[in-house]
């Protein structure tokens, strides 16, 4: 790798994208990632909704809503993990690393979409 997947280490005096301390710094870090698994517990969700509604009374209506556990723009998720510098530099310096990262994010998004569809 040219200067590592998370090439720009955060430090004093750095600003903007260069100040971001990316959690993925090496290919070995990427290998440790696992696609998370979620499940929906309808009974627990109902219990929590009722508790919130009781606590808030008429002050605020409580409604069930959900957002995807991963942002739908995959490049945004990549920059969250390796930083903007890391993504841009490694597209040229280590394309295989970027492909593995994108495959991980693709699998994560597919799992989230399948869960969302199963609950609709």
N, C-alpha and C. Protein backbone atom coordinates (compact mmCIF):
# COMPACT_ATOMS: atom_id res chain seq x y z
N UNK A 1 0.83 -1.17 0.00
CA UNK A 1 0.00 0.00 0.00
C UNK A 1 0.88 1.24 0.00
N UNK A 2 0.46 2.20 -0.75
CA UNK A 2 1.25 3.42 -0.89
C UNK A 2 1.58 4.00 0.48
N UNK A 3 0.55 4.32 1.21
CA UNK A 3 0.78 4.81 2.57
C UNK A 3 -0.28 4.26 3.50
N UNK A 4 -0.83 3.12 3.15
CA UNK A 4 -1.80 2.46 4.01
C UNK A 4 -3.22 2.84 3.66
N UNK A 5 -4.18 1.94 3.86
CA UNK A 5 -5.57 2.22 3.55
C UNK A 5 -6.09 3.46 4.26
N UNK A 6 -5.82 3.62 5.52
CA UNK A 6 -6.20 4.83 6.23
C UNK A 6 -4.99 5.73 6.30
N UNK A 7 -4.58 6.26 5.17
CA UNK A 7 -3.27 6.88 5.03
C UNK A 7 -3.06 8.12 5.88
N UNK A 8 -4.08 8.90 6.07
CA UNK A 8 -3.90 10.16 6.79
C UNK A 8 -4.19 9.96 8.26
N UNK A 9 -3.16 9.90 9.05
CA UNK A 9 -3.33 9.77 10.49
C UNK A 9 -3.72 11.13 11.07
N UNK A 10 -4.67 11.11 11.97
CA UNK A 10 -5.08 12.36 12.61
C UNK A 10 -3.94 12.85 13.49
N UNK A 11 -3.83 14.13 13.58
CA UNK A 11 -2.78 14.68 14.43
C UNK A 11 -2.96 16.17 14.62
N UNK A 12 -2.17 16.76 15.49
CA UNK A 12 -2.27 18.19 15.75
C UNK A 12 -2.01 19.00 14.48
N UNK A 13 -2.82 19.99 14.26
CA UNK A 13 -2.63 20.88 13.13
C UNK A 13 -3.28 20.40 11.85
N UNK A 14 -3.74 19.17 11.82
CA UNK A 14 -4.41 18.68 10.61
C UNK A 14 -5.88 19.10 10.64
N UNK A 15 -6.42 19.41 9.47
CA UNK A 15 -7.81 19.84 9.39
C UNK A 15 -8.50 19.10 8.27
N UNK A 16 -9.82 19.21 8.22
CA UNK A 16 -10.60 18.62 7.13
C UNK A 16 -10.45 17.11 7.08
N UNK A 17 -10.41 16.57 5.86
CA UNK A 17 -10.34 15.12 5.68
C UNK A 17 -9.06 14.55 6.29
N UNK A 18 -8.00 15.33 6.35
CA UNK A 18 -6.74 14.81 6.89
C UNK A 18 -6.77 14.67 8.40
N UNK A 19 -7.76 15.25 9.06
CA UNK A 19 -7.87 15.14 10.51
C UNK A 19 -8.65 13.90 10.93
N UNK A 20 -9.27 13.22 9.99
CA UNK A 20 -10.09 12.05 10.32
C UNK A 20 -9.22 10.86 10.70
N UNK A 21 -9.52 10.25 11.81
CA UNK A 21 -8.78 9.09 12.31
C UNK A 21 -9.55 7.84 11.90
N UNK A 22 -9.26 7.32 10.73
CA UNK A 22 -9.99 6.19 10.16
C UNK A 22 -9.77 4.92 10.96
N UNK A 23 -10.83 4.15 11.22
CA UNK A 23 -10.67 2.92 11.99
C UNK A 23 -9.98 1.79 11.21
N UNK A 24 -10.06 1.80 9.90
CA UNK A 24 -9.40 0.78 9.08
C UNK A 24 -8.13 1.40 8.54
N UNK A 25 -6.98 0.85 8.95
CA UNK A 25 -5.69 1.39 8.54
C UNK A 25 -4.90 0.42 7.67
N UNK A 26 -5.17 -0.87 7.80
CA UNK A 26 -4.41 -1.87 7.05
C UNK A 26 -5.36 -2.91 6.47
N UNK A 27 -4.84 -3.69 5.54
CA UNK A 27 -5.64 -4.79 4.98
C UNK A 27 -6.02 -5.78 6.08
N UNK A 28 -5.16 -5.96 7.06
CA UNK A 28 -5.47 -6.85 8.18
C UNK A 28 -6.68 -6.34 8.97
N UNK A 29 -6.81 -5.02 9.12
CA UNK A 29 -7.98 -4.45 9.79
C UNK A 29 -9.25 -4.81 9.03
N UNK A 30 -9.18 -4.72 7.73
CA UNK A 30 -10.34 -5.02 6.90
C UNK A 30 -10.74 -6.49 7.05
N UNK A 31 -9.78 -7.37 7.17
CA UNK A 31 -10.06 -8.79 7.30
C UNK A 31 -10.82 -9.10 8.59
N UNK A 32 -10.71 -8.26 9.59
CA UNK A 32 -11.40 -8.50 10.86
C UNK A 32 -12.87 -8.10 10.83
N UNK A 33 -13.29 -7.35 9.81
CA UNK A 33 -14.69 -6.92 9.73
C UNK A 33 -15.60 -8.09 9.43
N UNK A 34 -16.77 -8.08 10.04
CA UNK A 34 -17.80 -9.08 9.79
C UNK A 34 -19.10 -8.33 9.52
N UNK A 35 -19.90 -8.87 8.61
CA UNK A 35 -21.21 -8.27 8.34
C UNK A 35 -22.09 -8.51 9.57
N UNK A 36 -22.59 -7.44 10.17
CA UNK A 36 -23.43 -7.62 11.36
C UNK A 36 -24.75 -8.29 11.01
N UNK A 37 -25.32 -8.95 11.96
CA UNK A 37 -26.63 -9.60 11.78
C UNK A 37 -27.59 -9.01 12.80
N UNK A 38 -28.75 -8.66 12.34
CA UNK A 38 -29.80 -8.13 13.21
C UNK A 38 -31.00 -9.03 13.13
N UNK A 39 -31.85 -8.90 14.11
CA UNK A 39 -33.15 -9.56 14.06
C UNK A 39 -34.15 -8.61 14.72
N UNK A 40 -35.40 -8.80 14.39
CA UNK A 40 -36.45 -7.95 14.93
C UNK A 40 -37.21 -8.74 15.99
N UNK A 41 -37.29 -8.19 17.17
CA UNK A 41 -38.04 -8.79 18.28
C UNK A 41 -39.32 -7.96 18.43
N UNK A 42 -40.40 -8.44 17.83
CA UNK A 42 -41.66 -7.69 17.81
C UNK A 42 -42.18 -7.43 19.22
N UNK A 43 -42.08 -8.40 20.11
CA UNK A 43 -42.58 -8.23 21.48
C UNK A 43 -41.79 -7.14 22.21
N UNK A 44 -40.47 -7.16 22.08
CA UNK A 44 -39.64 -6.15 22.75
C UNK A 44 -39.88 -4.77 22.14
N UNK A 45 -40.04 -4.71 20.82
CA UNK A 45 -40.33 -3.43 20.18
C UNK A 45 -41.63 -2.86 20.70
N UNK A 46 -42.66 -3.70 20.79
CA UNK A 46 -43.95 -3.26 21.33
C UNK A 46 -43.83 -2.78 22.76
N UNK A 47 -43.08 -3.51 23.58
CA UNK A 47 -42.89 -3.12 24.98
C UNK A 47 -42.23 -1.75 25.07
N UNK A 48 -41.20 -1.53 24.27
CA UNK A 48 -40.50 -0.24 24.31
C UNK A 48 -41.37 0.90 23.78
N UNK A 49 -42.14 0.64 22.73
CA UNK A 49 -43.04 1.67 22.21
C UNK A 49 -44.06 2.07 23.27
N UNK A 50 -44.63 1.08 23.94
CA UNK A 50 -45.62 1.37 24.99
C UNK A 50 -45.00 2.14 26.14
N UNK A 51 -43.78 1.76 26.54
CA UNK A 51 -43.11 2.46 27.63
C UNK A 51 -42.82 3.91 27.24
N UNK A 52 -42.38 4.13 26.02
CA UNK A 52 -42.12 5.50 25.56
C UNK A 52 -43.41 6.31 25.50
N UNK A 53 -44.47 5.69 24.98
CA UNK A 53 -45.76 6.39 24.88
C UNK A 53 -46.28 6.75 26.26
N UNK A 54 -46.10 5.85 27.21
CA UNK A 54 -46.54 6.13 28.57
C UNK A 54 -45.72 7.26 29.20
N UNK A 55 -44.43 7.25 28.97
CA UNK A 55 -43.56 8.28 29.54
C UNK A 55 -43.85 9.65 28.94
N UNK A 56 -44.14 9.70 27.66
CA UNK A 56 -44.35 10.99 26.99
C UNK A 56 -45.79 11.47 27.06
N UNK A 57 -46.71 10.57 27.32
CA UNK A 57 -48.11 10.95 27.41
C UNK A 57 -48.59 11.61 26.12
N UNK A 58 -49.29 12.74 26.27
CA UNK A 58 -49.80 13.47 25.11
C UNK A 58 -48.80 14.50 24.58
N UNK A 59 -47.64 14.60 25.22
CA UNK A 59 -46.67 15.63 24.82
C UNK A 59 -46.10 15.37 23.43
N UNK A 60 -45.95 14.11 23.07
CA UNK A 60 -45.34 13.77 21.79
C UNK A 60 -45.82 12.39 21.37
N UNK A 61 -46.40 12.29 20.16
CA UNK A 61 -46.85 10.97 19.72
C UNK A 61 -45.64 10.06 19.44
N UNK A 62 -45.76 8.80 19.83
CA UNK A 62 -44.70 7.82 19.61
C UNK A 62 -45.10 6.94 18.44
N UNK A 63 -44.23 6.90 17.44
CA UNK A 63 -44.49 6.09 16.25
C UNK A 63 -43.28 5.21 15.96
N UNK A 64 -43.54 4.04 15.42
CA UNK A 64 -42.47 3.14 15.03
C UNK A 64 -41.94 3.55 13.67
N UNK A 65 -40.65 3.72 13.57
CA UNK A 65 -40.02 3.99 12.29
C UNK A 65 -38.63 3.35 12.33
N UNK A 66 -38.06 3.19 11.18
CA UNK A 66 -36.73 2.58 11.12
C UNK A 66 -35.95 3.20 9.98
N UNK A 67 -34.66 3.23 10.16
CA UNK A 67 -33.75 3.67 9.11
C UNK A 67 -32.77 2.54 8.83
N UNK A 68 -32.26 2.48 7.62
CA UNK A 68 -31.30 1.42 7.33
C UNK A 68 -30.09 1.53 8.26
N UNK A 69 -29.52 0.41 8.68
CA UNK A 69 -28.37 0.45 9.56
C UNK A 69 -27.08 0.84 8.84
N UNK A 70 -27.18 1.08 7.55
CA UNK A 70 -26.03 1.48 6.75
C UNK A 70 -26.51 2.52 5.75
N UNK A 71 -25.71 3.55 5.54
CA UNK A 71 -26.07 4.62 4.63
C UNK A 71 -26.12 4.07 3.20
N UNK A 72 -27.17 4.40 2.41
CA UNK A 72 -27.31 3.79 1.09
C UNK A 72 -26.27 4.20 0.05
N UNK A 73 -25.48 5.22 0.30
CA UNK A 73 -24.42 5.60 -0.64
C UNK A 73 -23.13 4.92 -0.20
N UNK A 74 -22.76 3.87 -0.90
CA UNK A 74 -21.69 2.98 -0.45
C UNK A 74 -20.34 3.70 -0.30
N UNK A 75 -20.07 4.70 -1.11
CA UNK A 75 -18.79 5.42 -0.98
C UNK A 75 -18.74 6.18 0.34
N UNK A 76 -19.87 6.65 0.82
CA UNK A 76 -19.91 7.33 2.13
C UNK A 76 -19.49 6.36 3.22
N UNK A 77 -20.00 5.12 3.16
CA UNK A 77 -19.63 4.12 4.16
C UNK A 77 -18.14 3.79 4.06
N UNK A 78 -17.62 3.74 2.85
CA UNK A 78 -16.19 3.46 2.67
C UNK A 78 -15.34 4.56 3.31
N UNK A 79 -15.73 5.82 3.11
CA UNK A 79 -14.95 6.91 3.70
C UNK A 79 -15.09 6.92 5.22
N UNK A 80 -16.22 6.45 5.75
CA UNK A 80 -16.36 6.33 7.20
C UNK A 80 -15.34 5.33 7.75
N UNK A 81 -15.04 4.29 6.98
CA UNK A 81 -14.14 3.24 7.45
C UNK A 81 -12.66 3.52 7.19
N UNK A 82 -12.33 4.07 6.01
CA UNK A 82 -10.91 4.27 5.69
C UNK A 82 -10.54 5.73 5.44
N UNK A 83 -11.49 6.63 5.54
CA UNK A 83 -11.21 8.04 5.31
C UNK A 83 -11.23 8.38 3.83
N UNK A 84 -11.46 9.63 3.53
CA UNK A 84 -11.50 10.07 2.14
C UNK A 84 -10.14 9.90 1.47
N UNK A 85 -9.08 10.30 2.15
CA UNK A 85 -7.73 10.10 1.60
C UNK A 85 -7.48 8.63 1.32
N UNK A 86 -7.83 7.78 2.29
CA UNK A 86 -7.61 6.35 2.15
C UNK A 86 -8.34 5.78 0.95
N UNK A 87 -9.58 6.22 0.75
CA UNK A 87 -10.35 5.72 -0.39
C UNK A 87 -9.76 6.19 -1.71
N UNK A 88 -9.48 7.48 -1.81
CA UNK A 88 -8.99 8.02 -3.07
C UNK A 88 -7.60 7.50 -3.42
N UNK A 89 -6.71 7.47 -2.45
CA UNK A 89 -5.35 6.98 -2.72
C UNK A 89 -5.34 5.50 -3.08
N UNK A 90 -6.14 4.71 -2.37
CA UNK A 90 -6.11 3.28 -2.60
C UNK A 90 -6.87 2.84 -3.84
N UNK A 91 -7.71 3.70 -4.40
CA UNK A 91 -8.31 3.37 -5.70
C UNK A 91 -7.21 3.19 -6.73
N UNK A 92 -6.15 3.96 -6.61
CA UNK A 92 -5.03 3.86 -7.55
C UNK A 92 -3.94 2.94 -7.03
N UNK A 93 -3.59 3.07 -5.76
CA UNK A 93 -2.44 2.34 -5.21
C UNK A 93 -2.76 0.88 -4.86
N UNK A 94 -3.95 0.62 -4.34
CA UNK A 94 -4.32 -0.72 -3.89
C UNK A 94 -5.76 -1.04 -4.30
N UNK A 95 -6.03 -1.15 -5.59
CA UNK A 95 -7.42 -1.38 -6.01
C UNK A 95 -8.02 -2.67 -5.44
N UNK A 96 -7.22 -3.70 -5.22
CA UNK A 96 -7.75 -4.95 -4.67
C UNK A 96 -8.29 -4.72 -3.26
N UNK A 97 -7.62 -3.87 -2.49
CA UNK A 97 -8.10 -3.53 -1.14
C UNK A 97 -9.45 -2.84 -1.23
N UNK A 98 -9.58 -1.89 -2.15
CA UNK A 98 -10.84 -1.16 -2.31
C UNK A 98 -11.94 -2.12 -2.77
N UNK A 99 -11.62 -3.05 -3.64
CA UNK A 99 -12.61 -4.04 -4.08
C UNK A 99 -13.10 -4.87 -2.90
N UNK A 100 -12.19 -5.29 -2.02
CA UNK A 100 -12.59 -6.08 -0.84
C UNK A 100 -13.47 -5.24 0.10
N UNK A 101 -13.10 -3.98 0.26
CA UNK A 101 -13.91 -3.10 1.10
C UNK A 101 -15.31 -2.94 0.52
N UNK A 102 -15.39 -2.69 -0.78
CA UNK A 102 -16.69 -2.50 -1.41
C UNK A 102 -17.52 -3.79 -1.38
N UNK A 103 -16.88 -4.95 -1.49
CA UNK A 103 -17.60 -6.22 -1.40
C UNK A 103 -18.20 -6.38 -0.01
N UNK A 104 -17.43 -6.02 1.02
CA UNK A 104 -17.93 -6.07 2.39
C UNK A 104 -19.15 -5.16 2.54
N UNK A 105 -19.04 -3.93 2.06
CA UNK A 105 -20.15 -2.99 2.16
C UNK A 105 -21.36 -3.44 1.35
N UNK A 106 -21.13 -4.03 0.18
CA UNK A 106 -22.22 -4.58 -0.63
C UNK A 106 -22.98 -5.66 0.15
N UNK A 107 -22.23 -6.56 0.78
CA UNK A 107 -22.85 -7.63 1.54
C UNK A 107 -23.63 -7.09 2.74
N UNK A 108 -23.08 -6.06 3.39
CA UNK A 108 -23.75 -5.44 4.52
C UNK A 108 -25.06 -4.81 4.06
N UNK A 109 -25.02 -4.08 2.96
CA UNK A 109 -26.23 -3.43 2.46
C UNK A 109 -27.27 -4.46 2.03
N UNK A 110 -26.84 -5.53 1.37
CA UNK A 110 -27.77 -6.59 0.93
C UNK A 110 -28.46 -7.22 2.14
N UNK A 111 -27.71 -7.48 3.20
CA UNK A 111 -28.29 -8.06 4.40
C UNK A 111 -29.31 -7.09 5.02
N UNK A 112 -28.97 -5.82 5.08
CA UNK A 112 -29.88 -4.82 5.65
C UNK A 112 -31.15 -4.70 4.81
N UNK A 113 -31.00 -4.74 3.50
CA UNK A 113 -32.16 -4.66 2.61
C UNK A 113 -33.06 -5.89 2.79
N UNK A 114 -32.46 -7.07 2.87
CA UNK A 114 -33.25 -8.29 3.06
C UNK A 114 -34.01 -8.26 4.38
N UNK A 115 -33.37 -7.79 5.44
CA UNK A 115 -34.04 -7.70 6.73
C UNK A 115 -35.19 -6.70 6.64
N UNK A 116 -34.95 -5.56 6.03
CA UNK A 116 -36.00 -4.55 5.89
C UNK A 116 -37.18 -5.09 5.09
N UNK A 117 -36.90 -5.79 4.01
CA UNK A 117 -37.97 -6.35 3.20
C UNK A 117 -38.75 -7.42 3.97
N UNK A 118 -38.07 -8.20 4.77
CA UNK A 118 -38.75 -9.26 5.52
C UNK A 118 -39.66 -8.68 6.60
N UNK A 119 -39.36 -7.47 7.06
CA UNK A 119 -40.17 -6.87 8.12
C UNK A 119 -41.30 -5.99 7.60
N UNK A 120 -41.29 -5.69 6.32
CA UNK A 120 -42.31 -4.79 5.78
C UNK A 120 -43.62 -5.51 5.69
